[in-house]
Amino acid sequence: MTAGLSIRPLQEADLEDAERVRRLAFGTFLGLPEPLSFSGDAEYARGRWQADPTAAFAAELDGELVGSNFATRWGSFAFFGPLTVRPDLWERGIAQRLLERTMALFSEWGVRHSGLFTFPTSPRHLGLYQKFGFWPRLLTPILAKTVAPGPRQLSWSRFSQPSEREQADCLGACRALTDSIYAGLDLEREIQAVERQRLGDTLLAWDGDTLTGFAVCHCGPGTEAGGDTCYVKFAAARPGPTAERAFEQLLEACEAFAATRGLSQLVAGVNSARQDAYRRMLARGFRMQFVGVTMERGAGPGFNRPEVYILDDWR
């Protein structure tokens, strides 16, 4: 353990340093010639912190920020990351101290299920998270496809378009949809973060007055997408006999939205437990960029089940 280390809430003044440590840590682990070039113009620290400043923690040593961790709550489910520590201080117990604070927060939240996304071939990462009750389960491929040019029929709406009162109704519809997949799953915080910070938009697919699916999307530089990219942070199709068709329509909506924003690449993650969703994405031209493994704590599979049509990754 490192003497003099303190774990405290992350402050806005820390965000530049936290982003720098994130890039340096991942770039070093992956062996990049220029570690600080990791993830290009995509940014995580500011968006995660602004979404919930109470769920971000800093590791400080001798007055310097040397690590951070971000927790995210989706109702009854929570995950954490990116968890990063300055490379010259690896193996000093700093990540463990950050995790202790994060697990205390999860307990305060009282979530039913929790998880993370990490490197499937790293004994260091797997061993650390196992100490806290997280165990490796299935792979989560991160998939990408080139956005096809040309006009499309628009069969969806945007959360940013209606009035505040109508937005509240949309949030209720989204909550009801995800609750029907996994009790208590709620993406309101994520949807609101995208809206307030202008990170992209949330797409809403309807069949009359029934919400059949929605997708929370980040777009371009300064977001978790970066570059010329539309990144689907989360998407879900209504379960039931029409789930497959609703999912296909949702994928089409995401690609159409990317095209309207002039973006050439669409990126999304899907847990391989959701086999049909994964296969349908491959059939539509998505190809694997890289793969991570989910580590989960809690009984049961959560919402990583074959009949579920959800896009997400817990980076």
Protein backbone atom coordinates (compact mmCIF):
# COMPACT_ATOMS: atom_id res chain seq x y z
CA MET A 1 0.00 0.00 0.00
CA THR A 2 1.12 3.58 -0.66
CA ALA A 3 1.63 5.77 2.42
CA GLY A 4 -0.05 9.14 2.19
CA LEU A 5 -2.65 8.01 -0.33
CA SER A 6 -6.15 9.45 0.01
CA ILE A 7 -9.35 8.53 -1.79
CA ARG A 8 -11.74 11.44 -2.16
CA PRO A 9 -14.57 12.65 -4.41
CA LEU A 10 -13.37 13.70 -7.85
CA GLN A 11 -13.71 17.45 -8.43
CA GLU A 12 -14.22 19.38 -11.65
CA ALA A 13 -10.69 20.76 -11.33
CA ASP A 14 -9.41 17.14 -11.48
CA LEU A 15 -10.99 16.22 -14.81
CA GLU A 16 -8.09 17.14 -17.09
CA ASP A 17 -5.67 15.13 -14.97
CA ALA A 18 -8.10 12.21 -14.70
CA GLU A 19 -8.48 12.10 -18.48
CA ARG A 20 -4.71 12.22 -18.92
CA VAL A 21 -4.16 9.34 -16.48
CA ARG A 22 -6.88 7.33 -18.24
CA ARG A 23 -5.18 7.69 -21.62
CA LEU A 24 -1.72 7.05 -20.19
CA ALA A 25 -2.81 3.94 -18.28
CA PHE A 26 -4.68 2.25 -21.12
CA GLY A 27 -2.14 3.31 -23.74
CA THR A 28 0.70 1.92 -21.63
CA PHE A 29 -1.11 -1.36 -20.93
CA LEU A 30 -1.80 -1.83 -24.64
CA GLY A 31 1.80 -1.01 -25.56
CA LEU A 32 1.04 2.00 -27.75
CA PRO A 33 4.13 3.92 -28.97
CA GLU A 34 2.43 7.12 -27.78
CA PRO A 35 0.25 6.08 -24.83
CA LEU A 36 -1.50 9.44 -24.55
CA SER A 37 -2.95 8.92 -28.03
CA PHE A 38 -5.22 6.18 -26.67
CA SER A 39 -8.89 6.63 -27.71
CA GLY A 40 -8.12 9.62 -29.95
CA ASP A 41 -10.54 12.49 -29.42
CA ALA A 42 -13.02 10.46 -27.37
CA GLU A 43 -13.40 11.65 -23.77
CA TYR A 44 -14.81 9.91 -20.71
CA ALA A 45 -13.94 11.81 -17.53
CA ARG A 46 -15.97 14.98 -18.01
CA GLY A 47 -19.10 13.29 -19.29
CA ARG A 48 -19.11 10.63 -16.55
CA TRP A 49 -18.44 13.22 -13.84
CA GLN A 50 -21.15 15.60 -15.03
CA ALA A 51 -23.64 12.74 -15.19
CA ASP A 52 -23.17 12.12 -11.46
CA PRO A 53 -20.38 13.95 -9.58
CA THR A 54 -21.11 11.92 -6.43
CA ALA A 55 -20.14 8.68 -8.20
CA ALA A 56 -16.58 9.58 -9.22
CA PHE A 57 -13.53 9.10 -7.02
CA ALA A 58 -9.96 10.37 -7.12
CA ALA A 59 -6.82 8.80 -5.73
CA GLU A 60 -4.46 11.55 -4.52
CA LEU A 61 -0.83 11.09 -3.52
CA ASP A 62 1.39 13.96 -2.36
CA GLY A 63 -1.06 16.48 -3.76
CA GLU A 64 -1.27 14.86 -7.21
CA LEU A 65 -4.13 12.96 -8.80
CA VAL A 66 -2.76 9.50 -9.59
CA GLY A 67 -5.92 7.54 -10.33
CA SER A 68 -9.71 7.65 -10.59
CA ASN A 69 -12.79 5.52 -10.89
CA PHE A 70 -16.29 6.25 -12.15
CA ALA A 71 -19.45 4.45 -11.05
CA THR A 72 -22.65 4.37 -13.10
CA ARG A 73 -26.10 3.46 -11.84
CA TRP A 74 -28.86 2.25 -14.14
CA GLY A 75 -31.56 1.82 -11.55
CA SER A 76 -31.20 -1.65 -10.00
CA PHE A 77 -27.93 -2.28 -11.87
CA ALA A 78 -24.55 -0.56 -11.52
CA PHE A 79 -21.12 -0.85 -13.09
CA PHE A 80 -17.82 0.93 -12.69
CA GLY A 81 -15.06 2.15 -14.96
CA PRO A 82 -12.87 3.35 -16.36
CA LEU A 83 -10.73 2.57 -13.32
CA THR A 84 -7.21 3.86 -13.98
CA VAL A 85 -3.98 4.39 -12.06
CA ARG A 86 -0.81 6.13 -13.24
CA PRO A 87 1.46 3.38 -14.64
CA ASP A 88 4.48 4.15 -12.45
CA LEU A 89 2.29 3.38 -9.43
CA TRP A 90 0.82 0.08 -10.56
CA GLU A 91 0.89 -2.82 -8.08
CA ARG A 92 0.82 -0.40 -5.12
CA GLY A 93 -2.76 -1.10 -3.97
CA ILE A 94 -4.23 2.14 -5.35
CA ALA A 95 -6.82 0.42 -7.55
CA GLN A 96 -7.92 -1.67 -4.59
CA ARG A 97 -8.44 1.45 -2.46
CA LEU A 98 -10.53 3.03 -5.22
CA LEU A 99 -12.59 -0.14 -5.47
CA GLU A 100 -13.23 -0.24 -1.73
CA ARG A 101 -14.80 3.23 -1.97
CA THR A 102 -16.77 2.23 -5.05
CA MET A 103 -18.15 -0.93 -3.45
CA ALA A 104 -19.29 1.11 -0.45
CA LEU A 105 -21.23 3.31 -2.88
CA PHE A 106 -22.82 0.26 -4.52
CA SER A 107 -23.95 -0.86 -1.07
CA GLU A 108 -25.47 2.56 -0.41
CA TRP A 109 -27.32 2.35 -3.71
CA GLY A 110 -28.64 -1.12 -2.87
CA VAL A 111 -28.35 -2.37 -6.46
CA ARG A 112 -29.44 -5.93 -7.27
CA HIS A 113 -26.69 -6.66 -9.77
CA SER A 114 -23.37 -5.08 -10.72
CA GLY A 115 -20.58 -5.60 -13.20
CA LEU A 116 -17.66 -4.30 -15.21
CA PHE A 117 -15.94 -4.69 -18.58
CA THR A 118 -12.28 -5.65 -18.70
CA PHE A 119 -9.53 -7.34 -20.70
CA PRO A 120 -10.24 -11.08 -20.95
CA THR A 121 -6.52 -12.00 -21.20
CA SER A 122 -5.25 -10.00 -18.21
CA PRO A 123 -4.71 -12.08 -15.04
CA ARG A 124 -3.91 -8.82 -13.21
CA HIS A 125 -7.33 -7.33 -13.90
CA LEU A 126 -9.27 -10.54 -13.40
CA GLY A 127 -7.54 -11.26 -10.10
CA LEU A 128 -8.15 -7.77 -8.73
CA TYR A 129 -11.87 -7.78 -9.46
CA GLN A 130 -12.35 -11.30 -8.16
CA LYS A 131 -11.20 -10.03 -4.76
CA PHE A 132 -14.38 -7.93 -4.72
CA GLY A 133 -16.74 -10.72 -5.75
CA PHE A 134 -16.81 -10.08 -9.51
CA TRP A 135 -16.40 -13.20 -11.63
CA PRO A 136 -15.81 -13.48 -15.39
CA ARG A 137 -18.80 -14.51 -17.43
CA LEU A 138 -19.32 -13.99 -21.15
CA LEU A 139 -17.53 -11.95 -23.79
CA THR A 140 -18.81 -8.59 -25.00
CA PRO A 141 -17.71 -7.84 -28.57
CA ILE A 142 -17.49 -4.17 -29.59
CA LEU A 143 -18.83 -4.06 -33.14
CA ALA A 144 -18.63 -1.41 -35.83
CA LYS A 145 -20.01 -0.87 -39.30
CA THR A 146 -19.68 1.76 -41.99
CA VAL A 147 -22.79 3.89 -42.22
CA ALA A 148 -24.41 3.46 -45.62
CA PRO A 149 -25.04 6.79 -47.39
CA GLY A 150 -28.37 7.84 -48.80
CA PRO A 151 -31.78 8.96 -47.50
CA ARG A 152 -33.86 6.75 -45.23
CA GLN A 153 -37.45 6.66 -44.14
CA LEU A 154 -37.57 8.05 -40.62
CA SER A 155 -39.67 5.86 -38.30
CA TRP A 156 -38.28 7.21 -35.03
CA SER A 157 -38.18 10.40 -33.00
CA ARG A 158 -35.55 12.10 -30.84
CA PHE A 159 -35.76 12.71 -27.13
CA SER A 160 -34.44 16.25 -27.67
CA GLN A 161 -37.41 17.26 -29.83
CA PRO A 162 -40.52 17.34 -27.57
CA SER A 163 -41.38 19.62 -24.66
CA GLU A 164 -40.17 18.94 -21.12
CA ARG A 165 -43.56 17.49 -20.21
CA GLU A 166 -43.47 15.15 -23.18
CA GLN A 167 -39.87 14.23 -22.33
CA ALA A 168 -41.03 13.17 -18.87
CA ASP A 169 -43.57 10.86 -20.53
CA CYS A 170 -40.82 9.47 -22.77
CA LEU A 171 -38.64 8.75 -19.74
CA GLY A 172 -41.53 6.88 -18.15
CA ALA A 173 -42.01 4.82 -21.32
CA CYS A 174 -38.30 3.99 -21.44
CA ARG A 175 -38.35 2.99 -17.77
CA ALA A 176 -41.34 0.71 -18.29
CA LEU A 177 -39.64 -0.95 -21.25
CA THR A 178 -36.38 -1.71 -19.42
CA ASP A 179 -38.24 -2.77 -16.27
CA SER A 180 -40.03 -5.40 -18.36
CA ILE A 181 -36.59 -6.82 -19.26
CA TYR A 182 -34.98 -6.62 -15.80
CA ALA A 183 -36.82 -5.34 -12.73
CA GLY A 184 -35.67 -1.86 -11.79
CA LEU A 185 -33.39 -1.30 -14.81
CA ASP A 186 -33.66 2.43 -15.54
CA LEU A 187 -31.67 4.53 -18.03
CA GLU A 188 -33.09 7.93 -17.05
CA ARG A 189 -29.75 9.20 -15.75
CA GLU A 190 -28.00 8.20 -19.00
CA ILE A 191 -30.68 9.76 -21.20
CA GLN A 192 -30.64 12.98 -19.20
CA ALA A 193 -26.83 13.16 -19.28
CA VAL A 194 -26.81 12.98 -23.08
CA GLU A 195 -29.51 15.64 -23.28
CA ARG A 196 -27.97 18.08 -20.78
CA GLN A 197 -24.43 17.77 -22.07
CA ARG A 198 -25.39 17.68 -25.77
CA LEU A 199 -23.43 14.46 -26.25
CA GLY A 200 -25.77 13.17 -28.94
CA ASP A 201 -29.41 12.14 -28.62
CA THR A 202 -31.74 9.33 -27.59
CA LEU A 203 -33.74 7.72 -30.38
CA LEU A 204 -37.29 6.56 -29.71
CA ALA A 205 -39.01 3.97 -31.92
CA TRP A 206 -42.81 3.78 -31.72
CA ASP A 207 -45.68 1.60 -32.88
CA GLY A 208 -48.57 3.97 -32.43
CA ASP A 209 -48.43 5.05 -28.80
CA THR A 210 -46.27 2.08 -27.76
CA LEU A 211 -42.53 2.54 -27.38
CA THR A 212 -40.91 -0.45 -29.13
CA GLY A 213 -37.30 0.54 -28.47
CA PHE A 214 -34.87 3.31 -27.66
CA ALA A 215 -31.16 3.98 -28.15
CA VAL A 216 -28.90 6.37 -26.22
CA CYS A 217 -26.27 7.61 -28.68
CA HIS A 218 -23.05 9.61 -28.32
CA CYS A 219 -21.80 11.44 -31.40
CA GLY A 220 -18.39 12.73 -32.40
CA PRO A 221 -15.37 14.32 -30.66
CA GLY A 222 -15.46 15.10 -26.96
CA THR A 223 -17.93 12.28 -26.24
CA GLU A 224 -17.45 8.57 -25.64
CA ALA A 225 -17.87 8.08 -29.40
CA GLY A 226 -15.00 10.24 -30.64
CA GLY A 227 -14.07 11.07 -34.21
CA ASP A 228 -16.47 10.39 -37.04
CA THR A 229 -18.50 7.96 -34.94
CA CYS A 230 -21.95 7.36 -33.51
CA TYR A 231 -21.60 5.18 -30.40
CA VAL A 232 -24.66 3.41 -29.03
CA LYS A 233 -24.14 3.63 -25.27
CA PHE A 234 -27.32 1.67 -24.59
CA ALA A 235 -30.26 0.41 -26.63
CA ALA A 236 -33.15 -1.89 -25.85
CA ALA A 237 -36.04 -3.39 -27.81
CA ARG A 238 -39.35 -4.27 -26.19
CA PRO A 239 -39.45 -7.95 -25.23
CA GLY A 240 -42.12 -10.26 -26.58
CA PRO A 241 -43.17 -11.82 -29.90
CA THR A 242 -42.16 -8.75 -31.94
CA ALA A 243 -38.79 -8.21 -30.22
CA GLU A 244 -36.75 -9.33 -33.24
CA ARG A 245 -38.49 -6.89 -35.57
CA ALA A 246 -38.26 -4.08 -33.01
CA PHE A 247 -34.52 -4.71 -32.66
CA GLU A 248 -33.98 -4.61 -36.43
CA GLN A 249 -35.88 -1.33 -36.62
CA LEU A 250 -33.77 0.05 -33.78
CA LEU A 251 -30.54 -0.83 -35.59
CA GLU A 252 -31.88 0.87 -38.71
CA ALA A 253 -32.78 3.95 -36.68
CA CYS A 254 -29.27 4.14 -35.20
CA GLU A 255 -27.68 3.97 -38.64
CA ALA A 256 -30.11 6.53 -40.04
CA PHE A 257 -29.40 8.87 -37.15
CA ALA A 258 -25.65 8.53 -37.70
CA ALA A 259 -26.20 9.41 -41.37
CA THR A 260 -28.22 12.51 -40.48
CA ARG A 261 -25.32 13.65 -38.29
CA GLY A 262 -22.85 13.10 -41.13
CA LEU A 263 -21.02 10.34 -39.26
CA SER A 264 -19.46 7.45 -41.14
CA GLN A 265 -19.13 4.80 -38.40
CA LEU A 266 -21.65 3.18 -36.06
CA VAL A 267 -20.28 1.39 -32.96
CA ALA A 268 -22.08 -0.70 -30.34
CA GLY A 269 -21.36 -3.49 -27.86
CA VAL A 270 -23.46 -6.58 -27.31
CA ASN A 271 -22.98 -9.27 -24.70
CA SER A 272 -22.59 -12.64 -26.39
CA ALA A 273 -25.24 -14.15 -24.09
CA ARG A 274 -27.73 -12.24 -26.25
CA GLN A 275 -27.04 -14.57 -29.13
CA ASP A 276 -29.73 -13.56 -31.60
CA ALA A 277 -28.99 -9.86 -31.16
CA TYR A 278 -25.31 -10.57 -31.81
CA ARG A 279 -26.05 -12.62 -34.92
CA ARG A 280 -28.42 -10.04 -36.32
CA MET A 281 -25.77 -7.35 -35.99
CA LEU A 282 -23.25 -9.49 -37.86
CA ALA A 283 -25.85 -10.10 -40.58
CA ARG A 284 -26.26 -6.33 -40.98
CA GLY A 285 -22.55 -5.84 -41.62
CA PHE A 286 -21.19 -5.12 -38.15
CA ARG A 287 -17.67 -6.43 -37.59
CA MET A 288 -15.71 -6.91 -34.40
CA GLN A 289 -13.30 -4.14 -33.36
CA PHE A 290 -12.18 -5.75 -30.11
CA VAL A 291 -13.63 -7.85 -27.33
CA GLY A 292 -13.89 -7.58 -23.56
CA VAL A 293 -15.27 -9.83 -20.86
CA THR A 294 -18.01 -8.94 -18.40
CA MET A 295 -17.35 -9.64 -14.74
CA GLU A 296 -20.48 -9.68 -12.60
CA ARG A 297 -21.49 -9.77 -8.97
CA GLY A 298 -24.94 -10.98 -8.01
CA ALA A 299 -27.13 -14.01 -8.51
CA GLY A 300 -28.43 -14.90 -11.94
CA PRO A 301 -27.55 -13.56 -15.38
CA GLY A 302 -29.08 -10.12 -14.92
CA PHE A 303 -30.15 -8.92 -18.36
CA ASN A 304 -27.49 -10.92 -20.23
CA ARG A 305 -29.93 -13.55 -21.48
CA PRO A 306 -30.53 -15.09 -24.94
CA GLU A 307 -34.03 -13.61 -25.35
CA VAL A 308 -32.92 -10.06 -24.54
CA TYR A 309 -32.27 -7.45 -27.25
CA ILE A 310 -30.02 -4.89 -25.57
CA LEU A 311 -26.89 -3.13 -26.82
CA ASP A 312 -24.41 -1.96 -24.22
CA ASP A 313 -20.91 -2.38 -22.86
CA TRP A 314 -19.69 -1.47 -19.42
CA ARG A 315 -16.46 0.34 -20.26
